[in-house]
């Protein structure tokens, strides 16, 4: 759809998609952050062959940060498509 989006409605659909994706990633980031906080209060119970806990807080914090960054990128894309949709509606952009 990205390549064929030419109308305001098409751009609004793309914006909605990116808003939804960003919302999902934000929720996922929050879940990972909460899990990291919980693990930080627990002793390491599962160890890999290297003797490092597989359920470590740094793992969850890393993915929490990464999902948060991806959510921000999604919101930025959604804003761009919202802006383009508005410009198409007002006729300031040619199809």
N, C-alpha and C. Protein backbone atom coordinates (compact mmCIF):
# COMPACT_ATOMS: atom_id res chain seq x y z
N UNK A 1 0.83 -1.19 0.00
CA UNK A 1 0.00 0.00 0.00
C UNK A 1 0.87 1.26 0.00
N UNK A 2 2.02 1.18 0.64
CA UNK A 2 2.90 2.33 0.74
C UNK A 2 3.24 2.88 -0.64
N UNK A 3 3.54 2.01 -1.58
CA UNK A 3 3.93 2.44 -2.92
C UNK A 3 2.75 2.97 -3.72
N UNK A 4 1.54 2.55 -3.39
CA UNK A 4 0.38 2.95 -4.19
C UNK A 4 -0.49 3.99 -3.50
N UNK A 5 -0.11 4.46 -2.33
CA UNK A 5 -0.91 5.44 -1.58
C UNK A 5 -0.84 6.79 -2.29
N UNK A 6 -1.97 7.19 -2.86
CA UNK A 6 -2.00 8.44 -3.61
C UNK A 6 -3.06 9.41 -3.10
N UNK A 7 -4.00 8.92 -2.33
CA UNK A 7 -5.08 9.78 -1.86
C UNK A 7 -4.94 10.06 -0.37
N UNK A 8 -5.71 11.04 0.07
CA UNK A 8 -5.73 11.38 1.50
C UNK A 8 -6.17 10.17 2.33
N UNK A 9 -7.17 9.45 1.84
CA UNK A 9 -7.67 8.27 2.56
C UNK A 9 -6.59 7.20 2.67
N UNK A 10 -5.83 7.02 1.60
CA UNK A 10 -4.73 6.05 1.63
C UNK A 10 -3.70 6.45 2.69
N UNK A 11 -3.37 7.74 2.72
CA UNK A 11 -2.39 8.21 3.69
C UNK A 11 -2.92 8.07 5.11
N UNK A 12 -4.22 8.30 5.30
CA UNK A 12 -4.82 8.12 6.62
C UNK A 12 -4.76 6.66 7.07
N UNK A 13 -4.97 5.74 6.13
CA UNK A 13 -4.87 4.32 6.46
C UNK A 13 -3.46 3.96 6.89
N UNK A 14 -2.48 4.50 6.17
CA UNK A 14 -1.08 4.25 6.54
C UNK A 14 -0.77 4.85 7.91
N UNK A 15 -1.26 6.06 8.15
CA UNK A 15 -1.03 6.70 9.44
C UNK A 15 -1.65 5.87 10.57
N UNK A 16 -2.86 5.39 10.34
CA UNK A 16 -3.53 4.56 11.34
C UNK A 16 -2.74 3.28 11.60
N UNK A 17 -2.21 2.69 10.54
CA UNK A 17 -1.40 1.48 10.69
C UNK A 17 -0.17 1.76 11.56
N UNK A 18 0.53 2.86 11.27
CA UNK A 18 1.73 3.18 12.03
C UNK A 18 1.40 3.58 13.47
N UNK A 19 0.27 4.27 13.69
CA UNK A 19 -0.15 4.59 15.05
C UNK A 19 -0.42 3.30 15.84
N UNK A 20 -1.14 2.37 15.21
CA UNK A 20 -1.46 1.10 15.86
C UNK A 20 -0.19 0.31 16.18
N UNK A 21 0.72 0.24 15.22
CA UNK A 21 1.98 -0.48 15.42
C UNK A 21 2.78 0.16 16.56
N UNK A 22 2.82 1.49 16.58
CA UNK A 22 3.54 2.20 17.64
C UNK A 22 2.91 1.92 19.00
N UNK A 23 1.59 1.88 19.07
CA UNK A 23 0.90 1.58 20.32
C UNK A 23 1.27 0.18 20.81
N UNK A 24 1.26 -0.79 19.89
CA UNK A 24 1.62 -2.15 20.25
C UNK A 24 3.06 -2.24 20.75
N UNK A 25 3.97 -1.55 20.08
CA UNK A 25 5.37 -1.58 20.48
C UNK A 25 5.58 -0.88 21.81
N UNK A 26 4.84 0.19 22.06
CA UNK A 26 4.93 0.88 23.34
C UNK A 26 4.48 -0.05 24.47
N UNK A 27 3.39 -0.75 24.24
CA UNK A 27 2.89 -1.70 25.25
C UNK A 27 3.92 -2.80 25.49
N UNK A 28 4.52 -3.28 24.43
CA UNK A 28 5.53 -4.32 24.55
C UNK A 28 6.75 -3.80 25.31
N UNK A 29 7.16 -2.58 25.03
CA UNK A 29 8.29 -1.96 25.74
C UNK A 29 7.98 -1.86 27.23
N UNK A 30 6.77 -1.47 27.56
CA UNK A 30 6.37 -1.36 28.96
C UNK A 30 6.38 -2.73 29.64
N UNK A 31 5.89 -3.74 28.94
CA UNK A 31 5.89 -5.10 29.50
C UNK A 31 7.31 -5.56 29.79
N UNK A 32 8.21 -5.32 28.86
CA UNK A 32 9.60 -5.73 29.05
C UNK A 32 10.25 -4.96 30.20
N UNK A 33 9.94 -3.67 30.30
CA UNK A 33 10.49 -2.87 31.40
C UNK A 33 9.99 -3.37 32.75
N UNK A 34 8.70 -3.69 32.82
CA UNK A 34 8.13 -4.23 34.06
C UNK A 34 8.77 -5.56 34.41
N UNK A 35 8.98 -6.41 33.40
CA UNK A 35 9.60 -7.71 33.63
C UNK A 35 11.03 -7.53 34.14
N UNK A 36 11.74 -6.57 33.55
CA UNK A 36 13.12 -6.28 34.00
C UNK A 36 13.12 -5.82 35.45
N UNK A 37 12.17 -4.97 35.80
CA UNK A 37 12.08 -4.49 37.18
C UNK A 37 11.80 -5.64 38.14
N UNK A 38 10.94 -6.55 37.74
CA UNK A 38 10.64 -7.71 38.58
C UNK A 38 11.86 -8.60 38.72
N UNK A 39 12.55 -8.87 37.63
CA UNK A 39 13.73 -9.73 37.67
C UNK A 39 14.85 -9.12 38.51
N UNK A 40 14.90 -7.81 38.55
CA UNK A 40 15.94 -7.14 39.32
C UNK A 40 15.81 -7.44 40.81
N UNK A 41 14.62 -7.82 41.23
CA UNK A 41 14.41 -8.12 42.65
C UNK A 41 14.57 -9.60 42.97
N UNK A 42 14.80 -10.42 41.93
CA UNK A 42 14.88 -11.87 42.11
C UNK A 42 16.32 -12.37 41.92
N UNK A 43 16.69 -13.42 42.62
CA UNK A 43 18.01 -14.01 42.37
C UNK A 43 18.00 -14.76 41.03
N UNK A 44 19.15 -14.83 40.39
CA UNK A 44 19.26 -15.56 39.13
C UNK A 44 19.01 -17.04 39.39
N UNK A 45 18.09 -17.61 38.63
CA UNK A 45 17.74 -19.02 38.85
C UNK A 45 18.10 -19.91 37.67
N UNK A 46 18.21 -19.34 36.51
CA UNK A 46 18.52 -20.13 35.32
C UNK A 46 19.84 -19.63 34.78
N UNK A 47 20.77 -20.53 34.60
CA UNK A 47 22.07 -20.11 34.10
C UNK A 47 22.40 -20.81 32.79
N UNK A 48 23.10 -20.09 31.95
CA UNK A 48 23.56 -20.67 30.70
C UNK A 48 24.86 -21.41 30.97
N UNK A 49 25.46 -21.97 29.94
CA UNK A 49 26.72 -22.69 30.10
C UNK A 49 27.84 -21.77 30.58
N UNK A 50 27.70 -20.47 30.31
CA UNK A 50 28.70 -19.52 30.74
C UNK A 50 28.49 -19.06 32.19
N UNK A 51 27.45 -19.54 32.82
CA UNK A 51 27.18 -19.17 34.20
C UNK A 51 26.45 -17.84 34.34
N UNK A 52 25.89 -17.35 33.25
CA UNK A 52 25.17 -16.08 33.27
C UNK A 52 23.67 -16.37 33.20
N UNK A 53 22.92 -15.68 33.99
CA UNK A 53 21.48 -15.88 34.01
C UNK A 53 20.87 -15.58 32.65
N UNK A 54 20.06 -16.48 32.16
CA UNK A 54 19.37 -16.27 30.88
C UNK A 54 18.19 -15.30 31.06
N UNK A 55 17.73 -15.17 32.25
CA UNK A 55 16.62 -14.28 32.56
C UNK A 55 17.16 -13.03 33.24
N UNK A 56 18.09 -12.35 32.58
CA UNK A 56 18.71 -11.19 33.22
C UNK A 56 17.97 -9.90 32.87
N UNK A 57 18.09 -8.95 33.77
CA UNK A 57 17.40 -7.68 33.57
C UNK A 57 17.91 -6.94 32.35
N UNK A 58 19.20 -7.08 32.05
CA UNK A 58 19.75 -6.34 30.91
C UNK A 58 19.10 -6.80 29.60
N UNK A 59 18.77 -8.08 29.51
CA UNK A 59 18.07 -8.60 28.32
C UNK A 59 16.74 -7.88 28.14
N UNK A 60 15.95 -7.80 29.20
CA UNK A 60 14.63 -7.17 29.12
C UNK A 60 14.74 -5.66 28.96
N UNK A 61 15.72 -5.04 29.59
CA UNK A 61 15.90 -3.60 29.43
C UNK A 61 16.32 -3.26 28.00
N UNK A 62 17.19 -4.09 27.42
CA UNK A 62 17.61 -3.87 26.04
C UNK A 62 16.40 -3.89 25.10
N UNK A 63 15.56 -4.92 25.22
CA UNK A 63 14.42 -5.03 24.33
C UNK A 63 13.36 -3.98 24.64
N UNK A 64 13.22 -3.60 25.89
CA UNK A 64 12.32 -2.51 26.23
C UNK A 64 12.74 -1.24 25.52
N UNK A 65 14.04 -0.94 25.57
CA UNK A 65 14.57 0.24 24.90
C UNK A 65 14.37 0.15 23.39
N UNK A 66 14.67 -1.01 22.84
CA UNK A 66 14.56 -1.20 21.39
C UNK A 66 13.12 -1.05 20.91
N UNK A 67 12.16 -1.66 21.64
CA UNK A 67 10.75 -1.53 21.27
C UNK A 67 10.30 -0.08 21.41
N UNK A 68 10.79 0.61 22.42
CA UNK A 68 10.47 2.03 22.58
C UNK A 68 10.97 2.86 21.41
N UNK A 69 12.18 2.57 20.94
CA UNK A 69 12.73 3.27 19.78
C UNK A 69 11.91 2.99 18.52
N UNK A 70 11.52 1.74 18.35
CA UNK A 70 10.71 1.38 17.19
C UNK A 70 9.34 2.05 17.25
N UNK A 71 8.78 2.16 18.45
CA UNK A 71 7.49 2.84 18.62
C UNK A 71 7.63 4.31 18.23
N UNK A 72 8.71 4.93 18.62
CA UNK A 72 8.96 6.34 18.26
C UNK A 72 9.06 6.48 16.75
N UNK A 73 9.77 5.57 16.10
CA UNK A 73 9.87 5.60 14.64
C UNK A 73 8.49 5.45 13.99
N UNK A 74 7.67 4.57 14.55
CA UNK A 74 6.32 4.38 14.04
C UNK A 74 5.47 5.63 14.18
N UNK A 75 5.59 6.30 15.34
CA UNK A 75 4.84 7.53 15.55
C UNK A 75 5.31 8.62 14.58
N UNK A 76 6.61 8.67 14.32
CA UNK A 76 7.13 9.65 13.37
C UNK A 76 6.57 9.39 11.97
N UNK A 77 6.54 8.13 11.57
CA UNK A 77 5.97 7.78 10.25
C UNK A 77 4.48 8.11 10.20
N UNK A 78 3.77 7.82 11.28
CA UNK A 78 2.34 8.12 11.32
C UNK A 78 2.13 9.63 11.18
N UNK A 79 2.94 10.43 11.85
CA UNK A 79 2.80 11.88 11.76
C UNK A 79 3.08 12.36 10.33
N UNK A 80 4.05 11.77 9.68
CA UNK A 80 4.35 12.14 8.29
C UNK A 80 3.16 11.84 7.38
N UNK A 81 2.56 10.67 7.57
CA UNK A 81 1.41 10.30 6.74
C UNK A 81 0.18 11.13 7.07
N UNK A 82 0.00 11.47 8.35
CA UNK A 82 -1.09 12.38 8.72
C UNK A 82 -0.91 13.73 8.03
N UNK A 83 0.31 14.23 8.05
CA UNK A 83 0.60 15.53 7.43
C UNK A 83 0.36 15.46 5.92
N UNK A 84 0.82 14.40 5.29
CA UNK A 84 0.62 14.26 3.85
C UNK A 84 -0.86 14.13 3.52
N UNK A 85 -1.60 13.40 4.34
CA UNK A 85 -3.05 13.26 4.11
C UNK A 85 -3.73 14.62 4.19
N UNK A 86 -3.32 15.43 5.16
CA UNK A 86 -3.90 16.76 5.30
C UNK A 86 -3.56 17.63 4.09
N UNK A 87 -2.33 17.54 3.62
CA UNK A 87 -1.94 18.32 2.45
C UNK A 87 -2.72 17.86 1.20
N UNK A 88 -2.96 16.57 1.09
CA UNK A 88 -3.74 16.07 -0.04
C UNK A 88 -5.19 16.54 0.04
N UNK A 89 -5.73 16.57 1.26
CA UNK A 89 -7.12 17.04 1.44
C UNK A 89 -7.26 18.51 1.06
N UNK A 90 -6.26 19.30 1.40
CA UNK A 90 -6.36 20.75 1.12
C UNK A 90 -5.88 21.10 -0.28
N UNK A 91 -5.34 20.12 -0.99
CA UNK A 91 -4.92 20.35 -2.36
C UNK A 91 -3.57 21.01 -2.49
N UNK A 92 -2.76 21.00 -1.43
CA UNK A 92 -1.43 21.61 -1.51
C UNK A 92 -0.39 20.66 -2.06
N UNK A 93 -0.80 19.41 -2.33
CA UNK A 93 0.09 18.42 -2.94
C UNK A 93 -0.64 17.82 -4.13
N UNK A 94 0.04 17.71 -5.22
CA UNK A 94 -0.55 17.08 -6.40
C UNK A 94 -0.37 15.58 -6.33
N UNK A 95 -1.36 14.81 -6.77
CA UNK A 95 -1.28 13.35 -6.80
C UNK A 95 -0.23 12.89 -7.75
